[in-house]
């Protein structure tokens, strides 16, 4: 029988054993044993700490690694020690517990989480590649845990970390980066989807994980953004100047209209004055005419017609009669 077929049958039997599968699936819910941990700083000095890492500490460490390693401005070429000091600073600033951890402790714990999670991702990828009939996602995860337990001789206890990392872009990129790294080995029981070599240099792995975008690319991106912002500012300033000029022109147009209105009003006023003057002139002329007529009437009334020729005498007498009749009618 094909060894791989025999192995799959073996895993299938294990999966059919509900007690064993439930134990493997819920392994992460058990509290880790409380043991005393000795941490060694780069200087060689030993520091004693109280307990193993709790799930809360693991999750905060994962969060710190994701948040800090996504800072593209710092650059991939930053020193490894400086990176982990920054992660340690994030850890200390955000923790809600009193337990002390130095950056070396965090670095070593991350190495453990990363190696175990790398392997588990490999087993899960192998299970998914088999396309087992009737398996849902939880079944596949359970089978991957069974494979981990059988081949690594220990349970996978980092579900809480894996569930945070699983679909995060930074972790997905990390998985893509480490996939080709496979060293020749006669023992083919481990999945070939990613590198699971426990002796892989953690510093090299970490230096390859730090940024989803290069420092130069990020600077270029920011430079383009600043240039775009600068161009936008220039356009906005130009638009503001155009609006200002438009407002000035509109105000000038309103002023011109007001001036024209004033001129038209003055013109109307002048025409009215001209008409009034004309009326006054007519009235004055009428008064003058009446005065002249009155003066002429008085002259005619005072004439002595006795020495006049008969016809002239008759004319002035007729005029005097008309003047008297006119005065009598007015009275």
C-alpha atoms as a PDB file:
ATOM      1  CA  UNK A   1       0.000   0.000   0.000  1.00  0.00           C
ATOM      2  CA  UNK A   2       1.152   3.563  -0.760  1.00  0.00           C
ATOM      3  CA  UNK A   3       2.675   5.080   2.457  1.00  0.00           C
ATOM      4  CA  UNK A   4       0.749   8.350   1.958  1.00  0.00           C
ATOM      5  CA  UNK A   5      -2.517   6.390   1.611  1.00  0.00           C
ATOM      6  CA  UNK A   6      -1.706   4.476   4.786  1.00  0.00           C
ATOM      7  CA  UNK A   7      -0.943   7.737   6.591  1.00  0.00           C
ATOM      8  CA  UNK A   8      -4.220   9.374   5.442  1.00  0.00           C
ATOM      9  CA  UNK A   9      -6.124   6.297   6.601  1.00  0.00           C
ATOM     10  CA  UNK A  10      -4.378   6.600   9.928  1.00  0.00           C
ATOM     11  CA  UNK A  11      -5.410  10.289  10.261  1.00  0.00           C
ATOM     12  CA  UNK A  12      -8.935   9.414   9.206  1.00  0.00           C
ATOM     13  CA  UNK A  13      -9.134   6.804  11.984  1.00  0.00           C
ATOM     14  CA  UNK A  14      -7.864   9.362  14.461  1.00  0.00           C
ATOM     15  CA  UNK A  15     -10.460  11.887  13.276  1.00  0.00           C
ATOM     16  CA  UNK A  16     -13.190   9.264  13.682  1.00  0.00           C
ATOM     17  CA  UNK A  17     -12.145   8.907  17.306  1.00  0.00           C
ATOM     18  CA  UNK A  18     -14.258  11.754  18.776  1.00  0.00           C
ATOM     19  CA  UNK A  19     -12.571  11.681  22.185  1.00  0.00           C
ATOM     20  CA  UNK A  20      -9.134  12.077  20.684  1.00  0.00           C
ATOM     21  CA  UNK A  21     -10.222  14.782  18.239  1.00  0.00           C
ATOM     22  CA  UNK A  22     -12.031  16.732  20.952  1.00  0.00           C
ATOM     23  CA  UNK A  23      -8.915  16.546  23.098  1.00  0.00           C
ATOM     24  CA  UNK A  24      -6.722  17.819  20.268  1.00  0.00           C
ATOM     25  CA  UNK A  25      -9.166  20.548  19.261  1.00  0.00           C
ATOM     26  CA  UNK A  26      -9.594  21.915  22.750  1.00  0.00           C
ATOM     27  CA  UNK A  27      -5.959  21.586  23.757  1.00  0.00           C
ATOM     28  CA  UNK A  28      -5.460  25.338  23.684  1.00  0.00           C
ATOM     29  CA  UNK A  29      -8.195  25.865  26.281  1.00  0.00           C
ATOM     30  CA  UNK A  30      -6.101  24.168  28.969  1.00  0.00           C
ATOM     31  CA  UNK A  31      -4.019  26.500  31.076  1.00  0.00           C
ATOM     32  CA  UNK A  32      -0.261  26.121  30.507  1.00  0.00           C
ATOM     33  CA  UNK A  33       1.699  24.616  33.391  1.00  0.00           C
ATOM     34  CA  UNK A  34       3.061  27.114  35.852  1.00  0.00           C
ATOM     35  CA  UNK A  35       6.824  26.761  35.813  1.00  0.00           C
ATOM     36  CA  UNK A  36       9.696  29.006  36.630  1.00  0.00           C
ATOM     37  CA  UNK A  37      11.353  30.535  33.553  1.00  0.00           C
ATOM     38  CA  UNK A  38      14.958  31.694  33.298  1.00  0.00           C
ATOM     39  CA  UNK A  39      15.510  34.403  30.647  1.00  0.00           C
ATOM     40  CA  UNK A  40      18.957  35.368  29.343  1.00  0.00           C
ATOM     41  CA  UNK A  41      19.639  38.874  28.082  1.00  0.00           C
ATOM     42  CA  UNK A  42      22.181  39.533  25.257  1.00  0.00           C
ATOM     43  CA  UNK A  43      24.719  40.573  27.912  1.00  0.00           C
ATOM     44  CA  UNK A  44      24.608  37.029  29.332  1.00  0.00           C
ATOM     45  CA  UNK A  45      22.931  38.075  32.571  1.00  0.00           C
ATOM     46  CA  UNK A  46      20.144  35.712  33.736  1.00  0.00           C
ATOM     47  CA  UNK A  47      16.820  37.160  34.829  1.00  0.00           C
ATOM     48  CA  UNK A  48      14.273  35.082  36.719  1.00  0.00           C
ATOM     49  CA  UNK A  49      10.603  35.473  35.862  1.00  0.00           C
ATOM     50  CA  UNK A  50       7.550  33.985  37.509  1.00  0.00           C
ATOM     51  CA  UNK A  51       5.306  32.116  35.078  1.00  0.00           C
ATOM     52  CA  UNK A  52       4.926  30.948  31.496  1.00  0.00           C
ATOM     53  CA  UNK A  53       3.272  33.264  29.026  1.00  0.00           C
ATOM     54  CA  UNK A  54      -0.496  33.512  29.342  1.00  0.00           C
ATOM     55  CA  UNK A  55      -2.838  33.651  26.353  1.00  0.00           C
ATOM     56  CA  UNK A  56      -3.351  37.335  27.069  1.00  0.00           C
ATOM     57  CA  UNK A  57       0.384  37.945  26.845  1.00  0.00           C
ATOM     58  CA  UNK A  58       0.637  35.899  23.642  1.00  0.00           C
ATOM     59  CA  UNK A  59      -2.125  37.920  21.988  1.00  0.00           C
ATOM     60  CA  UNK A  60      -0.562  41.220  23.021  1.00  0.00           C
ATOM     61  CA  UNK A  61       2.806  40.021  21.691  1.00  0.00           C
ATOM     62  CA  UNK A  62       1.225  39.055  18.352  1.00  0.00           C
ATOM     63  CA  UNK A  63      -0.518  42.418  18.192  1.00  0.00           C
ATOM     64  CA  UNK A  64       2.754  44.207  18.970  1.00  0.00           C
ATOM     65  CA  UNK A  65       4.599  42.276  16.256  1.00  0.00           C
ATOM     66  CA  UNK A  66       1.895  43.076  13.680  1.00  0.00           C
ATOM     67  CA  UNK A  67       1.609  46.745  14.602  1.00  0.00           C
ATOM     68  CA  UNK A  68       5.353  47.386  14.876  1.00  0.00           C
ATOM     69  CA  UNK A  69       6.433  45.385  11.862  1.00  0.00           C
ATOM     70  CA  UNK A  70       3.924  47.210   9.664  1.00  0.00           C
ATOM     71  CA  UNK A  71       5.714  50.532  10.249  1.00  0.00           C
ATOM     72  CA  UNK A  72       7.289  50.934   6.805  1.00  0.00           C
ATOM     73  CA  UNK A  73       9.006  54.256   7.524  1.00  0.00           C
ATOM     74  CA  UNK A  74      11.451  52.602   9.951  1.00  0.00           C
ATOM     75  CA  UNK A  75      12.719  50.473   7.072  1.00  0.00           C
ATOM     76  CA  UNK A  76      13.632  46.814   6.717  1.00  0.00           C
ATOM     77  CA  UNK A  77      17.253  47.604   7.461  1.00  0.00           C
ATOM     78  CA  UNK A  78      16.600  48.600  11.074  1.00  0.00           C
ATOM     79  CA  UNK A  79      18.589  46.551  13.580  1.00  0.00           C
ATOM     80  CA  UNK A  80      16.888  43.444  14.910  1.00  0.00           C
ATOM     81  CA  UNK A  81      17.498  44.437  18.537  1.00  0.00           C
ATOM     82  CA  UNK A  82      15.976  47.869  17.931  1.00  0.00           C
ATOM     83  CA  UNK A  83      12.902  46.255  16.364  1.00  0.00           C
ATOM     84  CA  UNK A  84      12.320  44.059  19.398  1.00  0.00           C
ATOM     85  CA  UNK A  85      12.868  46.940  21.769  1.00  0.00           C
ATOM     86  CA  UNK A  86      10.112  48.762  19.913  1.00  0.00           C
ATOM     87  CA  UNK A  87       7.874  45.696  20.157  1.00  0.00           C
ATOM     88  CA  UNK A  88       8.704  45.472  23.871  1.00  0.00           C
ATOM     89  CA  UNK A  89       7.778  49.157  24.285  1.00  0.00           C
ATOM     90  CA  UNK A  90       4.428  48.511  22.599  1.00  0.00           C
ATOM     91  CA  UNK A  91       3.903  45.461  24.835  1.00  0.00           C
ATOM     92  CA  UNK A  92       4.614  47.407  28.016  1.00  0.00           C
ATOM     93  CA  UNK A  93       2.483  50.412  27.017  1.00  0.00           C
ATOM     94  CA  UNK A  94      -0.575  48.311  26.195  1.00  0.00           C
ATOM     95  CA  UNK A  95      -0.516  45.515  28.766  1.00  0.00           C
ATOM     96  CA  UNK A  96      -3.216  45.315  31.424  1.00  0.00           C
ATOM     97  CA  UNK A  97      -1.346  42.944  33.764  1.00  0.00           C
ATOM     98  CA  UNK A  98       1.612  43.318  36.128  1.00  0.00           C
ATOM     99  CA  UNK A  99       3.869  40.510  34.867  1.00  0.00           C
ATOM    100  CA  UNK A 100       7.345  41.667  33.753  1.00  0.00           C
ATOM    101  CA  UNK A 101       8.886  40.661  30.412  1.00  0.00           C
ATOM    102  CA  UNK A 102      12.040  41.954  28.770  1.00  0.00           C
ATOM    103  CA  UNK A 103      12.478  42.213  25.008  1.00  0.00           C
ATOM    104  CA  UNK A 104      14.591  39.026  24.868  1.00  0.00           C
ATOM    105  CA  UNK A 105      11.779  37.087  26.513  1.00  0.00           C
ATOM    106  CA  UNK A 106       9.302  38.451  23.989  1.00  0.00           C
ATOM    107  CA  UNK A 107      11.645  37.641  21.098  1.00  0.00           C
ATOM    108  CA  UNK A 108      12.089  34.042  22.250  1.00  0.00           C
ATOM    109  CA  UNK A 109       8.367  33.614  22.841  1.00  0.00           C
ATOM    110  CA  UNK A 110       7.616  34.955  19.360  1.00  0.00           C
ATOM    111  CA  UNK A 111      10.115  32.486  17.904  1.00  0.00           C
ATOM    112  CA  UNK A 112       8.219  29.662  19.603  1.00  0.00           C
ATOM    113  CA  UNK A 113       4.826  30.965  18.437  1.00  0.00           C
ATOM    114  CA  UNK A 114       6.069  31.527  14.909  1.00  0.00           C
ATOM    115  CA  UNK A 115       7.698  28.115  14.484  1.00  0.00           C
ATOM    116  CA  UNK A 116       4.707  26.206  15.883  1.00  0.00           C
ATOM    117  CA  UNK A 117       2.218  28.285  13.877  1.00  0.00           C
ATOM    118  CA  UNK A 118       4.312  27.907  10.705  1.00  0.00           C
ATOM    119  CA  UNK A 119       4.139  24.117  11.101  1.00  0.00           C
ATOM    120  CA  UNK A 120       0.448  24.112  11.879  1.00  0.00           C
ATOM    121  CA  UNK A 121      -0.228  26.252   8.787  1.00  0.00           C
ATOM    122  CA  UNK A 122       1.747  23.714   6.777  1.00  0.00           C
ATOM    123  CA  UNK A 123      -0.292  20.783   8.094  1.00  0.00           C
ATOM    124  CA  UNK A 124      -3.528  22.677   7.491  1.00  0.00           C
ATOM    125  CA  UNK A 125      -2.431  23.500   3.947  1.00  0.00           C
ATOM    126  CA  UNK A 126      -1.677  19.815   3.356  1.00  0.00           C
ATOM    127  CA  UNK A 127      -5.123  18.817   4.674  1.00  0.00           C
ATOM    128  CA  UNK A 128      -6.816  21.420   2.478  1.00  0.00           C
ATOM    129  CA  UNK A 129      -4.795  20.156  -0.486  1.00  0.00           C
ATOM    130  CA  UNK A 130      -6.242  16.673   0.019  1.00  0.00           C
ATOM    131  CA  UNK A 131      -9.794  18.070  -0.507  1.00  0.00           C
ATOM    132  CA  UNK A 132     -11.282  15.521   1.937  1.00  0.00           C
ATOM    133  CA  UNK A 133     -14.883  14.743   1.094  1.00  0.00           C
ATOM    134  CA  UNK A 134     -17.480  15.880   3.614  1.00  0.00           C
ATOM    135  CA  UNK A 135     -15.005  17.900   5.685  1.00  0.00           C
ATOM    136  CA  UNK A 136     -15.984  21.362   6.858  1.00  0.00           C
ATOM    137  CA  UNK A 137     -13.452  23.937   8.023  1.00  0.00           C
ATOM    138  CA  UNK A 138     -13.506  22.762  11.628  1.00  0.00           C
ATOM    139  CA  UNK A 139     -12.904  19.166  10.498  1.00  0.00           C
ATOM    140  CA  UNK A 140      -9.855  20.286   8.503  1.00  0.00           C
ATOM    141  CA  UNK A 141      -8.482  22.230  11.467  1.00  0.00           C
ATOM    142  CA  UNK A 142      -9.031  19.210  13.688  1.00  0.00           C
ATOM    143  CA  UNK A 143      -7.210  16.903  11.278  1.00  0.00           C
ATOM    144  CA  UNK A 144      -4.301  19.379  11.031  1.00  0.00           C
ATOM    145  CA  UNK A 145      -4.036  19.289  14.839  1.00  0.00           C
ATOM    146  CA  UNK A 146      -3.991  15.495  14.754  1.00  0.00           C
ATOM    147  CA  UNK A 147      -1.146  15.585  12.208  1.00  0.00           C
ATOM    148  CA  UNK A 148       0.714  18.123  14.337  1.00  0.00           C
ATOM    149  CA  UNK A 149       0.371  15.947  17.438  1.00  0.00           C
ATOM    150  CA  UNK A 150       1.442  12.771  15.613  1.00  0.00           C
ATOM    151  CA  UNK A 151       4.429  14.252  13.770  1.00  0.00           C
ATOM    152  CA  UNK A 152       5.644  16.858  16.275  1.00  0.00           C
ATOM    153  CA  UNK A 153       4.954  14.679  19.338  1.00  0.00           C
ATOM    154  CA  UNK A 154       3.186  17.554  21.071  1.00  0.00           C
ATOM    155  CA  UNK A 155      -0.094  19.430  20.834  1.00  0.00           C
ATOM    156  CA  UNK A 156      -0.559  22.714  18.978  1.00  0.00           C
ATOM    157  CA  UNK A 157      -1.293  25.199  21.762  1.00  0.00           C
ATOM    158  CA  UNK A 158      -1.394  28.465  19.823  1.00  0.00           C
ATOM    159  CA  UNK A 159      -4.921  28.556  18.401  1.00  0.00           C
ATOM    160  CA  UNK A 160      -5.435  31.965  20.006  1.00  0.00           C
ATOM    161  CA  UNK A 161      -2.425  33.349  18.121  1.00  0.00           C
ATOM    162  CA  UNK A 162      -3.156  31.560  14.853  1.00  0.00           C
ATOM    163  CA  UNK A 163      -6.728  32.891  14.714  1.00  0.00           C
ATOM    164  CA  UNK A 164      -5.395  36.463  14.957  1.00  0.00           C
ATOM    165  CA  UNK A 165      -2.594  35.901  12.449  1.00  0.00           C
ATOM    166  CA  UNK A 166      -4.421  33.635   9.996  1.00  0.00           C
ATOM    167  CA  UNK A 167      -5.896  36.201   7.584  1.00  0.00           C
ATOM    168  CA  UNK A 168      -3.787  39.224   8.542  1.00  0.00           C
ATOM    169  CA  UNK A 169      -1.980  40.612   5.430  1.00  0.00           C
ATOM    170  CA  UNK A 170       1.352  40.696   7.284  1.00  0.00           C
ATOM    171  CA  UNK A 171       1.148  37.015   8.251  1.00  0.00           C
ATOM    172  CA  UNK A 172      -0.126  35.976   4.821  1.00  0.00           C
ATOM    173  CA  UNK A 173       2.888  37.720   3.306  1.00  0.00           C
ATOM    174  CA  UNK A 174       5.151  35.945   5.788  1.00  0.00           C
ATOM    175  CA  UNK A 175       3.701  32.551   4.785  1.00  0.00           C
ATOM    176  CA  UNK A 176       4.263  33.378   1.103  1.00  0.00           C
ATOM    177  CA  UNK A 177       7.859  34.395   1.867  1.00  0.00           C
ATOM    178  CA  UNK A 178       8.792  31.216   3.740  1.00  0.00           C
ATOM    179  CA  UNK A 179       7.058  28.741   1.414  1.00  0.00           C
ATOM    180  CA  UNK A 180      10.105  28.152  -0.872  1.00  0.00           C
ATOM    181  CA  UNK A 181      12.471  27.594   2.044  1.00  0.00           C
ATOM    182  CA  UNK A 182      12.722  23.780   2.195  1.00  0.00           C
ATOM    183  CA  UNK A 183      15.953  21.997   2.970  1.00  0.00           C
ATOM    184  CA  UNK A 184      16.599  18.534   1.462  1.00  0.00           C
ATOM    185  CA  UNK A 185      15.638  15.806   3.921  1.00  0.00           C
ATOM    186  CA  UNK A 186      15.018  12.071   3.766  1.00  0.00           C
ATOM    187  CA  UNK A 187      12.064  12.437   6.157  1.00  0.00           C
ATOM    188  CA  UNK A 188       9.034  13.539   4.137  1.00  0.00           C
ATOM    189  CA  UNK A 189       6.407  13.307   6.850  1.00  0.00           C
ATOM    190  CA  UNK A 190       6.267  17.103   7.325  1.00  0.00           C
ATOM    191  CA  UNK A 191       4.161  19.194   4.932  1.00  0.00           C
ATOM    192  CA  UNK A 192       6.049  20.638   1.970  1.00  0.00           C
ATOM    193  CA  UNK A 193       3.921  23.771   1.713  1.00  0.00           C
ATOM    194  CA  UNK A 194       6.224  25.874   3.942  1.00  0.00           C
ATOM    195  CA  UNK A 195       9.578  25.535   5.673  1.00  0.00           C
ATOM    196  CA  UNK A 196       9.218  23.830   9.061  1.00  0.00           C
ATOM    197  CA  UNK A 197      12.906  23.484   9.930  1.00  0.00           C
ATOM    198  CA  UNK A 198      13.208  24.166  13.637  1.00  0.00           C
ATOM    199  CA  UNK A 199      16.842  25.193  13.227  1.00  0.00           C
ATOM    200  CA  UNK A 200      15.946  28.070  10.921  1.00  0.00           C
ATOM    201  CA  UNK A 201      17.693  31.204  12.098  1.00  0.00           C
ATOM    202  CA  UNK A 202      14.997  33.265  13.782  1.00  0.00           C
ATOM    203  CA  UNK A 203      16.832  36.532  13.221  1.00  0.00           C
ATOM    204  CA  UNK A 204      16.952  35.932   9.485  1.00  0.00           C
ATOM    205  CA  UNK A 205      13.258  34.990   9.444  1.00  0.00           C
ATOM    206  CA  UNK A 206      12.313  38.046  11.427  1.00  0.00           C
ATOM    207  CA  UNK A 207      14.356  40.348   9.215  1.00  0.00           C
ATOM    208  CA  UNK A 208      12.416  38.999   6.249  1.00  0.00           C
ATOM    209  CA  UNK A 209       9.051  39.592   7.934  1.00  0.00           C
ATOM    210  CA  UNK A 210       9.216  43.175   8.966  1.00  0.00           C
ATOM    211  CA  UNK A 211       7.540  45.190   6.205  1.00  0.00           C
ATOM    212  CA  UNK A 212       4.738  44.690   3.721  1.00  0.00           C
ATOM    213  CA  UNK A 213       6.159  47.610   1.718  1.00  0.00           C
ATOM    214  CA  UNK A 214       9.750  48.701   1.217  1.00  0.00           C
ATOM    215  CA  UNK A 215      11.182  51.786   2.881  1.00  0.00           C
ATOM    216  CA  UNK A 216      12.115  53.382  -0.425  1.00  0.00           C
ATOM    217  CA  UNK A 217       8.721  52.590  -1.900  1.00  0.00           C
ATOM    218  CA  UNK A 218       6.992  54.045   1.155  1.00  0.00           C
ATOM    219  CA  UNK A 219       9.069  57.226   0.931  1.00  0.00           C
ATOM    220  CA  UNK A 220       8.311  57.514  -2.775  1.00  0.00           C
ATOM    221  CA  UNK A 221       4.632  56.997  -1.987  1.00  0.00           C
ATOM    222  CA  UNK A 222       4.723  59.728   0.654  1.00  0.00           C
ATOM    223  CA  UNK A 223       6.658  62.010  -1.693  1.00  0.00           C
ATOM    224  CA  UNK A 224       4.055  61.514  -4.416  1.00  0.00           C
ATOM    225  CA  UNK A 225       1.327  62.143  -1.866  1.00  0.00           C
ATOM    226  CA  UNK A 226       3.051  65.343  -0.716  1.00  0.00           C
ATOM    227  CA  UNK A 227       3.462  66.444  -4.343  1.00  0.00           C
ATOM    228  CA  UNK A 228      -0.182  65.661  -4.982  1.00  0.00           C
ATOM    229  CA  UNK A 229      -1.149  67.579  -1.863  1.00  0.00           C
ATOM    230  CA  UNK A 230       1.089  70.458  -2.986  1.00  0.00           C
ATOM    231  CA  UNK A 231      -0.478  70.463  -6.458  1.00  0.00           C
ATOM    232  CA  UNK A 232      -3.921  70.310  -4.884  1.00  0.00           C
ATOM    233  CA  UNK A 233      -2.997  73.246  -2.653  1.00  0.00           C
ATOM    234  CA  UNK A 234      -1.851  75.234  -5.687  1.00  0.00           C
ATOM    235  CA  UNK A 235      -5.103  74.432  -7.489  1.00  0.00           C
ATOM    236  CA  UNK A 236      -7.131  75.373  -4.425  1.00  0.00           C
ATOM    237  CA  UNK A 237      -5.209  78.659  -4.121  1.00  0.00           C
ATOM    238  CA  UNK A 238      -5.785  79.380  -7.793  1.00  0.00           C
ATOM    239  CA  UNK A 239      -9.480  78.595  -7.411  1.00  0.00           C
ATOM    240  CA  UNK A 240      -9.609  80.875  -4.377  1.00  0.00           C
ATOM    241  CA  UNK A 241      -7.951  83.661  -6.375  1.00  0.00           C
ATOM    242  CA  UNK A 242     -10.403  83.115  -9.238  1.00  0.00           C
ATOM    243  CA  UNK A 243     -13.335  83.257  -6.819  1.00  0.00           C
ATOM    244  CA  UNK A 244     -11.864  86.395  -5.264  1.00  0.00           C
ATOM    245  CA  UNK A 245     -11.418  88.024  -8.692  1.00  0.00           C
ATOM    246  CA  UNK A 246     -14.942  87.004  -9.621  1.00  0.00           C
ATOM    247  CA  UNK A 247     -16.285  88.582  -6.437  1.00  0.00           C
ATOM    248  CA  UNK A 248     -14.327  91.769  -7.181  1.00  0.00           C
ATOM    249  CA  UNK A 249     -15.719  91.879 -10.726  1.00  0.00           C
ATOM    250  CA  UNK A 250     -19.232  91.256  -9.437  1.00  0.00           C
ATOM    251  CA  UNK A 251     -18.812  94.085  -6.909  1.00  0.00           C
ATOM    252  CA  UNK A 252     -17.491  96.374  -9.619  1.00  0.00           C
ATOM    253  CA  UNK A 253     -20.475  95.450 -11.806  1.00  0.00           C
ATOM    254  CA  UNK A 254     -22.841  96.215  -8.934  1.00  0.00           C
ATOM    255  CA  UNK A 255     -21.089  99.544  -8.341  1.00  0.00           C
ATOM    256  CA  UNK A 256     -21.346 100.348 -12.053  1.00  0.00           C
ATOM    257  CA  UNK A 257     -25.040  99.482 -12.044  1.00  0.00           C
ATOM    258  CA  UNK A 258     -25.564 101.676  -9.002  1.00  0.00           C
ATOM    259  CA  UNK A 259     -23.742 104.554 -10.691  1.00  0.00           C
ATOM    260  CA  UNK A 260     -25.808 104.109 -13.841  1.00  0.00           C
ATOM    261  CA  UNK A 261     -28.976 104.076 -11.741  1.00  0.00           C
ATOM    262  CA  UNK A 262     -27.890 107.274 -10.009  1.00  0.00           C
ATOM    263  CA  UNK A 263     -27.162 108.867 -13.368  1.00  0.00           C
ATOM    264  CA  UNK A 264     -30.565 107.848 -14.686  1.00  0.00           C
ATOM    265  CA  UNK A 265     -32.214 109.228 -11.563  1.00  0.00           C
ATOM    266  CA  UNK A 266     -30.297 112.479 -11.969  1.00  0.00           C
ATOM    267  CA  UNK A 267     -31.308 112.601 -15.624  1.00  0.00           C
ATOM    268  CA  UNK A 268     -34.965 112.142 -14.695  1.00  0.00           C
ATOM    269  CA  UNK A 269     -34.604 114.791 -12.026  1.00  0.00           C
ATOM    270  CA  UNK A 270     -33.067 117.174 -14.537  1.00  0.00           C
ATOM    271  CA  UNK A 271     -35.895 116.558 -16.994  1.00  0.00           C
ATOM    272  CA  UNK A 272     -38.411 117.194 -14.256  1.00  0.00           C
ATOM    273  CA  UNK A 273     -36.638 120.441 -13.364  1.00  0.00           C
ATOM    274  CA  UNK A 274     -36.607 121.396 -17.032  1.00  0.00           C
ATOM    275  CA  UNK A 275     -40.362 120.789 -17.288  1.00  0.00           C
ATOM    276  CA  UNK A 276     -40.956 122.778 -14.125  1.00  0.00           C
ATOM    277  CA  UNK A 277     -38.906 125.649 -15.493  1.00  0.00           C
ATOM    278  CA  UNK A 278     -40.774 125.513 -18.756  1.00  0.00           C
ATOM    279  CA  UNK A 279     -44.073 125.668 -16.866  1.00  0.00           C
ATOM    280  CA  UNK A 280     -42.824 128.592 -14.840  1.00  0.00           C
ATOM    281  CA  UNK A 281     -41.762 130.337 -18.012  1.00  0.00           C
ATOM    282  CA  UNK A 282     -45.217 129.800 -19.480  1.00  0.00           C
ATOM    283  CA  UNK A 283     -46.821 131.132 -16.334  1.00  0.00           C
ATOM    284  CA  UNK A 284     -44.555 134.156 -16.320  1.00  0.00           C
ATOM    285  CA  UNK A 285     -45.308 134.765 -19.955  1.00  0.00           C
ATOM    286  CA  UNK A 286     -49.012 134.538 -19.233  1.00  0.00           C
ATOM    287  CA  UNK A 287     -48.684 136.974 -16.330  1.00  0.00           C
ATOM    288  CA  UNK A 288     -46.624 139.293 -18.480  1.00  0.00           C
ATOM    289  CA  UNK A 289     -49.226 139.074 -21.238  1.00  0.00           C
ATOM    290  CA  UNK A 290     -52.039 139.841 -18.816  1.00  0.00           C
ATOM    291  CA  UNK A 291     -50.112 142.783 -17.430  1.00  0.00           C
ATOM    292  CA  UNK A 292     -49.498 144.133 -20.874  1.00  0.00           C
ATOM    293  CA  UNK A 293     -53.157 143.646 -21.770  1.00  0.00           C
ATOM    294  CA  UNK A 294     -54.201 145.370 -18.578  1.00  0.00           C
ATOM    295  CA  UNK A 295     -51.824 148.210 -19.221  1.00  0.00           C
ATOM    296  CA  UNK A 296     -53.170 148.537 -22.765  1.00  0.00           C
ATOM    297  CA  UNK A 297     -56.732 148.450 -21.472  1.00  0.00           C
ATOM    298  CA  UNK A 298     -55.944 151.200 -19.011  1.00  0.00           C
ATOM    299  CA  UNK A 299     -54.363 153.276 -21.761  1.00  0.00           C
ATOM    300  CA  UNK A 300     -57.400 152.848 -23.969  1.00  0.00           C
ATOM    301  CA  UNK A 301     -59.766 153.677 -21.146  1.00  0.00           C
ATOM    302  CA  UNK A 302     -57.918 156.929 -20.426  1.00  0.00           C
ATOM    303  CA  UNK A 303     -57.883 158.167 -24.026  1.00  0.00           C
ATOM    304  CA  UNK A 304     -59.673 161.392 -24.851  1.00  0.00           C
ATOM    305  CA  UNK A 305     -61.589 160.538 -28.016  1.00  0.00           C
ATOM    306  CA  UNK A 306     -63.224 163.967 -28.534  1.00  0.00           C
ATOM    307  CA  UNK A 307     -60.381 165.273 -30.663  1.00  0.00           C
ATOM    308  CA  UNK A 308     -60.085 162.076 -32.736  1.00  0.00           C
ATOM    309  CA  UNK A 309     -61.445 161.587 -36.209  1.00  0.00           C
ATOM    310  CA  UNK A 310     -64.917 160.026 -36.220  1.00  0.00           C
ATOM    311  CA  UNK A 311     -63.842 156.534 -37.270  1.00  0.00           C
ATOM    312  CA  UNK A 312     -60.924 156.374 -34.778  1.00  0.00           C
ATOM    313  CA  UNK A 313     -63.174 157.819 -32.119  1.00  0.00           C
ATOM    314  CA  UNK A 314     -65.740 155.107 -32.873  1.00  0.00           C
ATOM    315  CA  UNK A 315     -62.990 152.350 -32.670  1.00  0.00           C
ATOM    316  CA  UNK A 316     -61.724 153.394 -29.260  1.00  0.00           C
ATOM    317  CA  UNK A 317     -65.210 153.855 -27.952  1.00  0.00           C
ATOM    318  CA  UNK A 318     -65.982 150.288 -29.064  1.00  0.00           C
ATOM    319  CA  UNK A 319     -62.806 149.072 -27.339  1.00  0.00           C
ATOM    320  CA  UNK A 320     -63.684 150.886 -24.159  1.00  0.00           C
ATOM    321  CA  UNK A 321     -67.111 149.235 -24.208  1.00  0.00           C
ATOM    322  CA  UNK A 322     -65.498 145.769 -24.629  1.00  0.00           C
ATOM    323  CA  UNK A 323     -63.054 146.427 -21.769  1.00  0.00           C
ATOM    324  CA  UNK A 324     -65.869 147.477 -19.502  1.00  0.00           C
ATOM    325  CA  UNK A 325     -67.909 144.420 -20.499  1.00  0.00           C
ATOM    326  CA  UNK A 326     -64.940 142.143 -19.846  1.00  0.00           C
ATOM    327  CA  UNK A 327     -64.325 143.599 -16.393  1.00  0.00           C
ATOM    328  CA  UNK A 328     -67.996 143.355 -15.563  1.00  0.00           C
ATOM    329  CA  UNK A 329     -67.984 139.645 -16.581  1.00  0.00           C
ATOM    330  CA  UNK A 330     -64.925 138.928 -14.364  1.00  0.00           C
ATOM    331  CA  UNK A 331     -66.527 140.555 -11.391  1.00  0.00           C
END
